[in-house]
Amino acid sequence: MFLNNPASNEELPFEEQIAALKVKEIQKFVETKVWNATVAVDGFDGFYTTIDPATAGVVAVVGATVPANNTMLTCVDEVISACPEAIRQDDDLIVFMSPANYNNYVVNLRTANYFHFSPEEAGEEFITFHPATNIRVVGVPGLTGKNRIVLGKSSEFVIGVGLMDDTERLDMWYSRDNDEVRLQGQFNLASNIAFPENFVTNDLA
């Protein structure tokens, strides 16, 4: 791609690529907020706060095992064992953990000789099914640096966005006052859980 001649700041070279990069950065921002937001800072609590014994109905594992590369199967078994009987056979149960703990989970699967899955694919996609269950196990960036493991119905993790109004947009324009190209994104966002009694946490930080 060639720059305009004479060069000026009125047009931005690689505009499409820069916009795509900003979209990815916004996606990472959203991922972090839906898990880690707090009412005090963001106006709503993320899943890390809401899927907690402090929320009435949420089930906590008693004496949860600390995640490590040789304990992850036990850690997941514990949240599954605490899962309410009424939803135990539902087909949308899902376990979330940090990417690091998911990598440890894959190692634990391999060393336990569970070869019903491809470790390479599981490590790449950050998702697999727990042995002998229909429960998905997923690593999410929103739990990075945490030992929190949660279980719930995927259909009951609720994310609210303002898609039907003019507050969800990404604008890029040239500012003559500042002699620069500017980019602005605006959108509404919130997260919550539908039925707390259908959620389980190991209650570790």
N, C-alpha and C. Protein backbone atom coordinates (compact mmCIF):
# COMPACT_ATOMS: atom_id res chain seq x y z
N MET A 1 0.85 -1.19 0.00
CA MET A 1 0.00 0.00 0.00
C MET A 1 0.89 1.24 0.00
N PHE A 2 0.58 2.22 -0.86
CA PHE A 2 1.35 3.45 -0.96
C PHE A 2 0.66 4.58 -0.22
N LEU A 3 1.43 5.45 0.40
CA LEU A 3 0.89 6.62 1.08
C LEU A 3 0.55 7.69 0.05
N ASN A 4 -0.38 8.57 0.42
CA ASN A 4 -0.72 9.69 -0.46
C ASN A 4 0.47 10.62 -0.62
N ASN A 5 0.56 11.26 -1.75
CA ASN A 5 1.63 12.22 -2.02
C ASN A 5 1.00 13.53 -2.50
N PRO A 6 1.17 14.66 -1.80
CA PRO A 6 2.05 14.79 -0.64
C PRO A 6 1.45 14.16 0.61
N ALA A 7 2.32 13.75 1.52
CA ALA A 7 1.86 13.10 2.74
C ALA A 7 1.16 14.10 3.64
N SER A 8 0.07 13.70 4.26
CA SER A 8 -0.67 14.55 5.20
C SER A 8 -1.34 13.66 6.22
N ASN A 9 -1.92 14.29 7.24
CA ASN A 9 -2.60 13.53 8.28
C ASN A 9 -4.10 13.42 8.04
N GLU A 10 -4.58 13.89 6.88
CA GLU A 10 -6.02 13.91 6.66
C GLU A 10 -6.58 12.54 6.32
N GLU A 11 -5.76 11.66 5.81
CA GLU A 11 -6.20 10.31 5.52
C GLU A 11 -5.27 9.33 6.22
N LEU A 12 -5.83 8.25 6.68
CA LEU A 12 -5.07 7.29 7.47
C LEU A 12 -4.72 6.08 6.62
N PRO A 13 -3.44 5.84 6.37
CA PRO A 13 -3.07 4.62 5.65
C PRO A 13 -3.40 3.39 6.48
N PHE A 14 -3.69 2.29 5.82
CA PHE A 14 -4.03 1.03 6.49
C PHE A 14 -5.26 1.19 7.40
N GLU A 15 -6.21 2.00 6.95
CA GLU A 15 -7.39 2.28 7.77
C GLU A 15 -8.14 1.01 8.14
N GLU A 16 -8.34 0.12 7.17
CA GLU A 16 -9.10 -1.10 7.43
C GLU A 16 -8.39 -1.98 8.46
N GLN A 17 -7.07 -2.10 8.32
CA GLN A 17 -6.32 -2.93 9.26
C GLN A 17 -6.33 -2.35 10.67
N ILE A 18 -6.22 -1.03 10.77
CA ILE A 18 -6.23 -0.38 12.09
C ILE A 18 -7.60 -0.55 12.74
N ALA A 19 -8.67 -0.39 11.95
CA ALA A 19 -10.02 -0.56 12.49
C ALA A 19 -10.21 -1.99 12.98
N ALA A 20 -9.71 -2.98 12.22
CA ALA A 20 -9.83 -4.38 12.62
C ALA A 20 -9.08 -4.64 13.93
N LEU A 21 -7.89 -4.02 14.06
CA LEU A 21 -7.11 -4.16 15.29
C LEU A 21 -7.86 -3.58 16.48
N LYS A 22 -8.49 -2.41 16.28
CA LYS A 22 -9.25 -1.78 17.36
C LYS A 22 -10.44 -2.63 17.77
N VAL A 23 -11.08 -3.27 16.78
CA VAL A 23 -12.21 -4.15 17.09
C VAL A 23 -11.74 -5.30 17.98
N LYS A 24 -10.58 -5.89 17.68
CA LYS A 24 -10.05 -6.97 18.51
C LYS A 24 -9.74 -6.48 19.92
N GLU A 25 -9.21 -5.26 20.02
CA GLU A 25 -8.91 -4.71 21.34
C GLU A 25 -10.19 -4.48 22.14
N ILE A 26 -11.24 -4.03 21.45
CA ILE A 26 -12.53 -3.83 22.11
C ILE A 26 -13.10 -5.17 22.57
N GLN A 27 -12.95 -6.22 21.75
CA GLN A 27 -13.43 -7.55 22.13
C GLN A 27 -12.73 -8.03 23.40
N LYS A 28 -11.42 -7.79 23.50
CA LYS A 28 -10.69 -8.16 24.72
C LYS A 28 -11.18 -7.36 25.92
N PHE A 29 -11.46 -6.07 25.68
CA PHE A 29 -11.98 -5.21 26.74
C PHE A 29 -13.32 -5.74 27.24
N VAL A 30 -14.20 -6.11 26.30
CA VAL A 30 -15.52 -6.63 26.65
C VAL A 30 -15.39 -7.93 27.43
N GLU A 31 -14.51 -8.82 26.96
CA GLU A 31 -14.28 -10.10 27.64
C GLU A 31 -13.87 -9.87 29.10
N THR A 32 -12.98 -8.92 29.31
CA THR A 32 -12.52 -8.62 30.67
C THR A 32 -13.65 -8.06 31.52
N LYS A 33 -14.44 -7.16 30.94
CA LYS A 33 -15.50 -6.50 31.70
C LYS A 33 -16.62 -7.45 32.08
N VAL A 34 -17.06 -8.34 31.18
CA VAL A 34 -18.19 -9.21 31.51
C VAL A 34 -17.83 -10.15 32.66
N TRP A 35 -16.54 -10.38 32.87
CA TRP A 35 -16.12 -11.22 34.00
C TRP A 35 -15.72 -10.40 35.22
N ASN A 36 -15.05 -9.28 35.03
CA ASN A 36 -14.40 -8.60 36.15
C ASN A 36 -14.96 -7.23 36.51
N ALA A 37 -16.00 -6.79 35.84
CA ALA A 37 -16.58 -5.48 36.15
C ALA A 37 -17.11 -5.44 37.59
N THR A 38 -17.14 -4.23 38.15
CA THR A 38 -17.74 -4.02 39.47
C THR A 38 -18.71 -2.85 39.39
N VAL A 39 -19.71 -2.89 40.24
CA VAL A 39 -20.71 -1.82 40.26
C VAL A 39 -20.04 -0.48 40.51
N ALA A 40 -19.08 -0.45 41.43
CA ALA A 40 -18.44 0.82 41.80
C ALA A 40 -17.73 1.48 40.63
N VAL A 41 -17.11 0.68 39.77
CA VAL A 41 -16.33 1.24 38.67
C VAL A 41 -17.10 1.26 37.36
N ASP A 42 -17.85 0.19 37.09
CA ASP A 42 -18.45 0.00 35.77
C ASP A 42 -19.98 0.10 35.74
N GLY A 43 -20.61 0.14 36.90
CA GLY A 43 -22.06 0.22 36.93
C GLY A 43 -22.75 -1.13 36.93
N PHE A 44 -22.00 -2.22 36.83
CA PHE A 44 -22.57 -3.57 36.93
C PHE A 44 -21.47 -4.52 37.42
N ASP A 45 -21.90 -5.64 37.97
CA ASP A 45 -20.95 -6.66 38.42
C ASP A 45 -20.77 -7.72 37.35
N GLY A 46 -19.52 -8.12 37.12
CA GLY A 46 -19.23 -9.19 36.17
C GLY A 46 -19.48 -10.56 36.78
N PHE A 47 -19.30 -11.60 35.97
CA PHE A 47 -19.57 -12.96 36.41
C PHE A 47 -18.70 -13.37 37.60
N TYR A 48 -17.49 -12.84 37.69
CA TYR A 48 -16.60 -13.19 38.80
C TYR A 48 -17.25 -12.80 40.13
N THR A 49 -17.96 -11.69 40.15
CA THR A 49 -18.62 -11.22 41.37
C THR A 49 -19.97 -11.86 41.58
N THR A 50 -20.74 -12.04 40.51
CA THR A 50 -22.11 -12.55 40.66
C THR A 50 -22.14 -14.06 40.93
N ILE A 51 -21.18 -14.82 40.34
CA ILE A 51 -21.15 -16.26 40.61
C ILE A 51 -20.30 -16.48 41.86
N ASP A 52 -20.91 -16.20 42.98
CA ASP A 52 -20.21 -16.14 44.27
C ASP A 52 -21.21 -16.49 45.36
N PRO A 53 -20.76 -17.12 46.44
CA PRO A 53 -21.69 -17.46 47.53
C PRO A 53 -22.43 -16.25 48.09
N ALA A 54 -21.89 -15.05 47.90
CA ALA A 54 -22.57 -13.85 48.37
C ALA A 54 -23.86 -13.60 47.60
N THR A 55 -23.98 -14.19 46.41
CA THR A 55 -25.22 -14.10 45.63
C THR A 55 -26.14 -15.22 46.07
N ALA A 56 -27.31 -14.89 46.57
CA ALA A 56 -28.24 -15.89 47.09
C ALA A 56 -28.54 -16.96 46.04
N GLY A 57 -28.35 -18.22 46.42
CA GLY A 57 -28.65 -19.34 45.53
C GLY A 57 -27.43 -20.00 44.93
N VAL A 58 -26.35 -19.25 44.73
CA VAL A 58 -25.14 -19.82 44.13
C VAL A 58 -24.53 -20.85 45.08
N VAL A 59 -24.17 -22.01 44.53
CA VAL A 59 -23.61 -23.10 45.32
C VAL A 59 -22.08 -23.00 45.34
N ALA A 60 -21.47 -23.18 46.50
CA ALA A 60 -20.01 -23.14 46.62
C ALA A 60 -19.49 -24.51 47.02
N VAL A 61 -18.38 -24.92 46.39
CA VAL A 61 -17.71 -26.16 46.77
C VAL A 61 -17.06 -25.96 48.14
N VAL A 62 -17.25 -26.91 49.02
CA VAL A 62 -16.65 -26.84 50.36
C VAL A 62 -15.27 -27.49 50.32
N GLY A 63 -14.25 -26.75 50.75
CA GLY A 63 -12.89 -27.29 50.77
C GLY A 63 -12.37 -27.60 49.38
N ALA A 64 -12.55 -26.68 48.45
CA ALA A 64 -12.17 -26.90 47.06
C ALA A 64 -10.67 -27.15 46.91
N THR A 65 -10.32 -28.04 45.99
CA THR A 65 -8.93 -28.35 45.68
C THR A 65 -8.30 -27.20 44.91
N VAL A 66 -7.06 -26.85 45.25
CA VAL A 66 -6.36 -25.78 44.54
C VAL A 66 -5.93 -26.29 43.16
N PRO A 67 -6.23 -25.56 42.10
CA PRO A 67 -5.87 -26.01 40.75
C PRO A 67 -4.36 -26.15 40.56
N ALA A 68 -3.96 -27.24 39.91
CA ALA A 68 -2.57 -27.50 39.53
C ALA A 68 -2.62 -28.49 38.37
N ASN A 69 -1.47 -28.74 37.73
CA ASN A 69 -1.52 -29.60 36.54
C ASN A 69 -1.84 -31.05 36.86
N ASN A 70 -1.81 -31.44 38.14
CA ASN A 70 -2.16 -32.81 38.50
C ASN A 70 -3.45 -32.89 39.32
N THR A 71 -4.17 -31.76 39.43
CA THR A 71 -5.41 -31.77 40.23
C THR A 71 -6.63 -31.28 39.45
N MET A 72 -6.46 -30.91 38.18
CA MET A 72 -7.54 -30.24 37.47
C MET A 72 -8.77 -31.13 37.27
N LEU A 73 -8.57 -32.43 37.04
CA LEU A 73 -9.72 -33.32 36.90
C LEU A 73 -10.53 -33.33 38.20
N THR A 74 -9.83 -33.35 39.33
CA THR A 74 -10.51 -33.30 40.62
C THR A 74 -11.24 -31.97 40.80
N CYS A 75 -10.60 -30.87 40.41
CA CYS A 75 -11.23 -29.55 40.53
C CYS A 75 -12.54 -29.48 39.76
N VAL A 76 -12.53 -30.02 38.55
CA VAL A 76 -13.76 -30.00 37.74
C VAL A 76 -14.78 -30.97 38.30
N ASP A 77 -14.33 -32.15 38.75
CA ASP A 77 -15.25 -33.10 39.37
C ASP A 77 -15.97 -32.47 40.56
N GLU A 78 -15.27 -31.64 41.32
CA GLU A 78 -15.86 -31.03 42.51
C GLU A 78 -17.01 -30.08 42.16
N VAL A 79 -16.82 -29.24 41.13
CA VAL A 79 -17.92 -28.32 40.78
C VAL A 79 -19.07 -29.09 40.15
N ILE A 80 -18.77 -30.18 39.43
CA ILE A 80 -19.84 -31.00 38.85
C ILE A 80 -20.62 -31.70 39.96
N SER A 81 -19.92 -32.22 40.96
CA SER A 81 -20.58 -32.90 42.07
C SER A 81 -21.50 -31.96 42.84
N ALA A 82 -21.14 -30.68 42.89
CA ALA A 82 -21.96 -29.69 43.60
C ALA A 82 -23.10 -29.16 42.74
N CYS A 83 -23.13 -29.57 41.48
CA CYS A 83 -24.18 -29.09 40.56
C CYS A 83 -25.55 -29.58 41.02
N PRO A 84 -26.56 -28.72 41.03
CA PRO A 84 -27.91 -29.13 41.44
C PRO A 84 -28.42 -30.31 40.61
N GLU A 85 -29.05 -31.26 41.27
CA GLU A 85 -29.56 -32.46 40.60
C GLU A 85 -30.54 -32.13 39.49
N ALA A 86 -31.30 -31.06 39.66
CA ALA A 86 -32.35 -30.71 38.69
C ALA A 86 -31.80 -30.39 37.31
N ILE A 87 -30.54 -29.95 37.23
CA ILE A 87 -29.99 -29.58 35.92
C ILE A 87 -28.83 -30.48 35.51
N ARG A 88 -28.54 -31.52 36.29
CA ARG A 88 -27.35 -32.35 36.07
C ARG A 88 -27.31 -32.95 34.66
N GLN A 89 -28.46 -33.25 34.07
CA GLN A 89 -28.51 -33.88 32.75
C GLN A 89 -28.75 -32.89 31.62
N ASP A 90 -28.81 -31.61 31.91
CA ASP A 90 -29.03 -30.61 30.86
C ASP A 90 -27.85 -30.59 29.89
N ASP A 91 -28.14 -30.27 28.62
CA ASP A 91 -27.10 -30.38 27.59
C ASP A 91 -26.31 -29.09 27.38
N ASP A 92 -26.55 -28.07 28.21
CA ASP A 92 -25.81 -26.82 28.02
C ASP A 92 -24.97 -26.44 29.24
N LEU A 93 -24.61 -27.43 30.06
CA LEU A 93 -23.74 -27.16 31.20
C LEU A 93 -22.33 -26.87 30.73
N ILE A 94 -21.69 -25.91 31.37
CA ILE A 94 -20.36 -25.48 30.94
C ILE A 94 -19.53 -25.08 32.16
N VAL A 95 -18.24 -25.38 32.11
CA VAL A 95 -17.30 -25.02 33.17
C VAL A 95 -16.31 -24.01 32.61
N PHE A 96 -16.15 -22.90 33.31
CA PHE A 96 -15.19 -21.87 32.89
C PHE A 96 -14.02 -21.82 33.87
N MET A 97 -12.84 -21.58 33.32
CA MET A 97 -11.62 -21.41 34.12
C MET A 97 -10.65 -20.53 33.34
N SER A 98 -9.53 -20.19 33.95
CA SER A 98 -8.53 -19.36 33.27
C SER A 98 -7.83 -20.17 32.18
N PRO A 99 -7.24 -19.50 31.18
CA PRO A 99 -6.47 -20.21 30.15
C PRO A 99 -5.33 -21.04 30.75
N ALA A 100 -4.65 -20.52 31.77
CA ALA A 100 -3.55 -21.26 32.40
C ALA A 100 -4.06 -22.54 33.05
N ASN A 101 -5.18 -22.45 33.75
CA ASN A 101 -5.73 -23.65 34.38
C ASN A 101 -6.29 -24.60 33.33
N TYR A 102 -6.78 -24.06 32.22
CA TYR A 102 -7.24 -24.95 31.14
C TYR A 102 -6.06 -25.72 30.56
N ASN A 103 -4.92 -25.06 30.39
CA ASN A 103 -3.73 -25.77 29.91
C ASN A 103 -3.33 -26.87 30.90
N ASN A 104 -3.42 -26.57 32.20
CA ASN A 104 -3.15 -27.60 33.21
C ASN A 104 -4.17 -28.73 33.13
N TYR A 105 -5.41 -28.38 32.81
CA TYR A 105 -6.46 -29.38 32.66
C TYR A 105 -6.12 -30.34 31.52
N VAL A 106 -5.65 -29.80 30.39
CA VAL A 106 -5.27 -30.63 29.25
C VAL A 106 -4.12 -31.56 29.63
N VAL A 107 -3.14 -31.03 30.37
CA VAL A 107 -2.02 -31.86 30.84
C VAL A 107 -2.53 -32.99 31.72
N ASN A 108 -3.45 -32.67 32.62
CA ASN A 108 -4.01 -33.67 33.53
C ASN A 108 -4.78 -34.74 32.76
N LEU A 109 -5.51 -34.34 31.72
CA LEU A 109 -6.20 -35.31 30.87
C LEU A 109 -5.21 -36.26 30.21
N ARG A 110 -4.13 -35.70 29.70
CA ARG A 110 -3.15 -36.51 28.99
C ARG A 110 -2.46 -37.49 29.93
N THR A 111 -2.03 -37.01 31.09
CA THR A 111 -1.31 -37.87 32.03
C THR A 111 -2.23 -38.92 32.66
N ALA A 112 -3.54 -38.64 32.65
CA ALA A 112 -4.51 -39.62 33.17
C ALA A 112 -4.91 -40.63 32.10
N ASN A 113 -4.27 -40.53 30.92
CA ASN A 113 -4.50 -41.46 29.81
C ASN A 113 -5.91 -41.38 29.24
N TYR A 114 -6.49 -40.17 29.23
CA TYR A 114 -7.76 -39.97 28.53
C TYR A 114 -7.45 -39.56 27.10
N PHE A 115 -7.47 -40.53 26.20
CA PHE A 115 -7.10 -40.26 24.82
C PHE A 115 -8.32 -40.23 23.90
N HIS A 116 -9.48 -39.91 24.47
CA HIS A 116 -10.69 -39.82 23.65
C HIS A 116 -10.80 -38.46 22.98
N PHE A 117 -9.82 -37.61 23.16
CA PHE A 117 -9.83 -36.27 22.57
C PHE A 117 -8.44 -35.97 22.04
N SER A 118 -8.34 -34.92 21.23
CA SER A 118 -7.05 -34.50 20.71
C SER A 118 -6.48 -33.40 21.60
N PRO A 119 -5.41 -33.65 22.35
CA PRO A 119 -4.84 -32.61 23.20
C PRO A 119 -4.45 -31.36 22.42
N GLU A 120 -3.97 -31.56 21.18
CA GLU A 120 -3.57 -30.41 20.37
C GLU A 120 -4.76 -29.51 20.08
N GLU A 121 -5.88 -30.12 19.67
CA GLU A 121 -7.08 -29.32 19.36
C GLU A 121 -7.64 -28.69 20.62
N ALA A 122 -7.65 -29.44 21.72
CA ALA A 122 -8.18 -28.88 22.97
C ALA A 122 -7.36 -27.68 23.41
N GLY A 123 -6.04 -27.78 23.32
CA GLY A 123 -5.19 -26.67 23.72
C GLY A 123 -5.36 -25.46 22.83
N GLU A 124 -5.65 -25.71 21.54
CA GLU A 124 -5.79 -24.60 20.60
C GLU A 124 -7.13 -23.89 20.76
N GLU A 125 -8.19 -24.67 20.96
CA GLU A 125 -9.54 -24.10 21.02
C GLU A 125 -9.93 -23.68 22.43
N PHE A 126 -9.17 -24.10 23.44
CA PHE A 126 -9.50 -23.82 24.84
C PHE A 126 -10.89 -24.33 25.20
N ILE A 127 -11.24 -25.52 24.67
CA ILE A 127 -12.53 -26.12 24.98
C ILE A 127 -12.46 -27.62 24.76
N THR A 128 -13.05 -28.40 25.65
CA THR A 128 -13.20 -29.84 25.46
C THR A 128 -14.35 -30.30 26.35
N PHE A 129 -14.62 -31.60 26.35
CA PHE A 129 -15.68 -32.14 27.20
C PHE A 129 -15.04 -32.94 28.33
N HIS A 130 -15.59 -32.78 29.53
CA HIS A 130 -15.07 -33.52 30.67
C HIS A 130 -15.37 -35.00 30.48
N PRO A 131 -14.42 -35.89 30.80
CA PRO A 131 -14.61 -37.33 30.57
C PRO A 131 -15.91 -37.87 31.16
N ALA A 132 -16.60 -38.67 30.34
CA ALA A 132 -17.83 -39.37 30.73
C ALA A 132 -18.99 -38.42 31.05
N THR A 133 -18.93 -37.19 30.56
CA THR A 133 -20.02 -36.23 30.75
C THR A 133 -20.29 -35.50 29.44
N ASN A 134 -21.37 -34.74 29.42
CA ASN A 134 -21.66 -33.86 28.28
C ASN A 134 -21.37 -32.40 28.64
N ILE A 135 -20.48 -32.21 29.62
CA ILE A 135 -20.18 -30.88 30.14
C ILE A 135 -18.92 -30.32 29.49
N ARG A 136 -19.05 -29.17 28.86
CA ARG A 136 -17.91 -28.52 28.22
C ARG A 136 -17.02 -27.85 29.27
N VAL A 137 -15.73 -27.88 29.02
CA VAL A 137 -14.75 -27.18 29.86
C VAL A 137 -14.05 -26.17 28.97
N VAL A 138 -14.05 -24.90 29.40
CA VAL A 138 -13.56 -23.82 28.55
C VAL A 138 -12.61 -22.92 29.33
N GLY A 139 -11.53 -22.51 28.68
CA GLY A 139 -10.64 -21.50 29.24
C GLY A 139 -10.98 -20.14 28.67
N VAL A 140 -11.15 -19.14 29.53
CA VAL A 140 -11.54 -17.81 29.08
C VAL A 140 -10.57 -16.75 29.60
N PRO A 141 -10.18 -15.79 28.76
CA PRO A 141 -9.26 -14.72 29.18
C PRO A 141 -9.78 -13.90 30.36
N GLY A 142 -11.11 -13.84 30.52
CA GLY A 142 -11.67 -13.05 31.61
C GLY A 142 -11.30 -13.56 32.99
N LEU A 143 -10.83 -14.82 33.07
CA LEU A 143 -10.41 -15.38 34.36
C LEU A 143 -8.90 -15.50 34.48
N THR A 144 -8.18 -14.83 33.59
CA THR A 144 -6.71 -14.86 33.62
C THR A 144 -6.17 -14.45 34.99
N GLY A 145 -5.24 -15.24 35.51
CA GLY A 145 -4.62 -14.92 36.79
C GLY A 145 -5.43 -15.34 37.99
N LYS A 146 -6.54 -16.05 37.76
CA LYS A 146 -7.41 -16.44 38.87
C LYS A 146 -7.54 -17.96 38.93
N ASN A 147 -7.80 -18.48 40.12
CA ASN A 147 -8.05 -19.91 40.31
C ASN A 147 -9.54 -20.21 40.39
N ARG A 148 -10.36 -19.22 40.11
CA ARG A 148 -11.81 -19.41 40.14
C ARG A 148 -12.25 -20.37 39.02
N ILE A 149 -13.05 -21.36 39.38
CA ILE A 149 -13.68 -22.28 38.43
C ILE A 149 -15.17 -22.23 38.69
N VAL A 150 -15.96 -22.01 37.65
CA VAL A 150 -17.41 -21.90 37.81
C VAL A 150 -18.11 -22.83 36.84
N LEU A 151 -19.28 -23.26 37.24
CA LEU A 151 -20.13 -24.10 36.39
C LEU A 151 -21.52 -23.49 36.33
N GLY A 152 -22.13 -23.57 35.16
CA GLY A 152 -23.50 -23.09 35.00
C GLY A 152 -24.05 -23.51 33.66
N LYS A 153 -25.27 -23.09 33.37
CA LYS A 153 -25.88 -23.34 32.08
C LYS A 153 -25.50 -22.20 31.14
N SER A 154 -24.95 -22.55 29.97
CA SER A 154 -24.50 -21.50 29.05
C SER A 154 -25.63 -20.57 28.66
N SER A 155 -26.85 -21.07 28.65
CA SER A 155 -28.00 -20.25 28.27
C SER A 155 -28.38 -19.25 29.36
N GLU A 156 -27.78 -19.37 30.54
CA GLU A 156 -28.13 -18.49 31.65
C GLU A 156 -27.02 -17.51 32.01
N PHE A 157 -25.93 -17.51 31.22
CA PHE A 157 -24.94 -16.43 31.30
C PHE A 157 -25.46 -15.32 30.40
N VAL A 158 -25.90 -14.22 30.98
CA VAL A 158 -26.59 -13.18 30.21
C VAL A 158 -25.67 -11.97 30.01
N ILE A 159 -25.54 -11.55 28.75
CA ILE A 159 -24.79 -10.34 28.41
C ILE A 159 -25.74 -9.39 27.69
N GLY A 160 -25.93 -8.20 28.25
CA GLY A 160 -26.82 -7.22 27.65
C GLY A 160 -26.03 -6.16 26.90
N VAL A 161 -26.45 -5.87 25.68
CA VAL A 161 -25.80 -4.84 24.86
C VAL A 161 -26.85 -3.97 24.20
N GLY A 162 -26.48 -2.73 23.84
CA GLY A 162 -27.40 -1.82 23.17
C GLY A 162 -27.22 -1.89 21.66
N LEU A 163 -27.81 -2.89 21.02
CA LEU A 163 -27.60 -3.09 19.59
C LEU A 163 -28.63 -2.39 18.72
N MET A 164 -29.70 -1.90 19.33
CA MET A 164 -30.78 -1.34 18.53
C MET A 164 -30.80 0.18 18.55
N ASP A 165 -29.75 0.80 19.06
CA ASP A 165 -29.75 2.26 19.10
C ASP A 165 -28.43 2.80 18.56
N ASP A 166 -28.24 4.09 18.62
CA ASP A 166 -27.06 4.70 18.02
C ASP A 166 -25.87 4.77 18.96
N THR A 167 -25.94 4.06 20.10
CA THR A 167 -24.82 4.10 21.03
C THR A 167 -23.84 2.97 20.79
N GLU A 168 -24.09 2.13 19.78
CA GLU A 168 -23.18 1.03 19.45
C GLU A 168 -22.58 1.30 18.08
N ARG A 169 -21.39 1.90 18.05
CA ARG A 169 -20.78 2.25 16.78
C ARG A 169 -19.28 2.44 16.96
N LEU A 170 -18.59 2.42 15.84
CA LEU A 170 -17.15 2.68 15.82
C LEU A 170 -16.91 3.71 14.73
N ASP A 171 -16.53 4.92 15.13
CA ASP A 171 -16.33 6.03 14.19
C ASP A 171 -14.85 6.36 14.05
N MET A 172 -14.44 6.69 12.82
CA MET A 172 -13.08 7.15 12.55
C MET A 172 -13.18 8.40 11.69
N TRP A 173 -12.51 9.50 12.10
CA TRP A 173 -12.62 10.74 11.35
C TRP A 173 -11.35 11.58 11.50
N TYR A 174 -11.21 12.53 10.59
CA TYR A 174 -10.07 13.46 10.65
C TYR A 174 -10.49 14.70 11.42
N SER A 175 -9.73 15.03 12.48
CA SER A 175 -10.00 16.23 13.27
C SER A 175 -9.11 17.36 12.77
N ARG A 176 -9.73 18.36 12.13
CA ARG A 176 -8.95 19.49 11.62
C ARG A 176 -8.37 20.31 12.78
N ASP A 177 -9.12 20.40 13.88
CA ASP A 177 -8.64 21.17 15.03
C ASP A 177 -7.33 20.60 15.58
N ASN A 178 -7.25 19.27 15.62
CA ASN A 178 -6.08 18.62 16.21
C ASN A 178 -5.10 18.08 15.17
N ASP A 179 -5.50 18.19 13.90
CA ASP A 179 -4.66 17.69 12.79
C ASP A 179 -4.27 16.23 13.02
N GLU A 180 -5.30 15.41 13.27
CA GLU A 180 -5.05 13.99 13.48
C GLU A 180 -6.31 13.19 13.18
N VAL A 181 -6.13 11.93 12.90
CA VAL A 181 -7.26 11.02 12.69
C VAL A 181 -7.63 10.42 14.04
N ARG A 182 -8.91 10.47 14.38
CA ARG A 182 -9.37 9.98 15.67
C ARG A 182 -10.35 8.82 15.48
N LEU A 183 -10.42 7.98 16.51
CA LEU A 183 -11.33 6.84 16.50
C LEU A 183 -12.10 6.81 17.81
N GLN A 184 -13.40 6.59 17.73
CA GLN A 184 -14.24 6.56 18.93
C GLN A 184 -15.23 5.41 18.85
N GLY A 185 -15.33 4.66 19.92
CA GLY A 185 -16.33 3.59 20.00
C GLY A 185 -17.26 3.84 21.17
N GLN A 186 -18.55 3.60 20.97
CA GLN A 186 -19.55 3.77 22.03
C GLN A 186 -20.49 2.58 22.01
N PHE A 187 -20.75 2.01 23.18
CA PHE A 187 -21.69 0.89 23.26
C PHE A 187 -22.10 0.69 24.72
N ASN A 188 -23.24 0.05 24.90
CA ASN A 188 -23.72 -0.31 26.23
C ASN A 188 -23.38 -1.77 26.51
N LEU A 189 -23.11 -2.09 27.76
CA LEU A 189 -22.71 -3.46 28.11
C LEU A 189 -23.05 -3.74 29.56
N ALA A 190 -23.54 -4.95 29.83
CA ALA A 190 -23.75 -5.42 31.20
C ALA A 190 -23.83 -6.94 31.16
N SER A 191 -23.58 -7.57 32.30
CA SER A 191 -23.69 -9.03 32.37
C SER A 191 -24.34 -9.42 33.69
N ASN A 192 -24.98 -10.61 33.68
CA ASN A 192 -25.62 -11.12 34.89
C ASN A 192 -25.90 -12.60 34.67
N ILE A 193 -26.39 -13.28 35.70
CA ILE A 193 -26.80 -14.67 35.58
C ILE A 193 -28.30 -14.76 35.81
N ALA A 194 -28.95 -15.64 35.06
CA ALA A 194 -30.41 -15.69 35.08
C ALA A 194 -30.95 -16.31 36.37
N PHE A 195 -30.46 -17.50 36.73
CA PHE A 195 -30.95 -18.22 37.90
C PHE A 195 -29.75 -18.66 38.75
N PRO A 196 -29.42 -17.90 39.79
CA PRO A 196 -28.23 -18.19 40.60
C PRO A 196 -28.18 -19.62 41.14
N GLU A 197 -29.34 -20.21 41.40
CA GLU A 197 -29.36 -21.56 41.97
C GLU A 197 -28.82 -22.62 41.00
N ASN A 198 -28.62 -22.24 39.73
CA ASN A 198 -28.07 -23.17 38.74
C ASN A 198 -26.58 -22.96 38.50
N PHE A 199 -25.92 -22.25 39.42
CA PHE A 199 -24.50 -21.96 39.25
C PHE A 199 -23.69 -22.47 40.44
N VAL A 200 -22.47 -22.91 40.13
CA VAL A 200 -21.56 -23.44 41.15
C VAL A 200 -20.21 -22.76 41.01
N THR A 201 -19.55 -22.49 42.12
CA THR A 201 -18.20 -21.92 42.12
C THR A 201 -17.31 -22.68 43.09
N ASN A 202 -16.01 -22.76 42.76
CA ASN A 202 -15.07 -23.33 43.74
C ASN A 202 -14.68 -22.30 44.78
N ASP A 203 -15.10 -21.05 44.58
CA ASP A 203 -14.93 -19.95 45.54
C ASP A 203 -13.46 -19.69 45.88
N LEU A 204 -12.57 -19.93 44.91
CA LEU A 204 -11.16 -19.57 45.10
C LEU A 204 -10.89 -18.27 44.37
N ALA A 205 -9.95 -17.49 44.86
CA ALA A 205 -9.66 -16.18 44.27
C ALA A 205 -8.95 -16.33 42.93
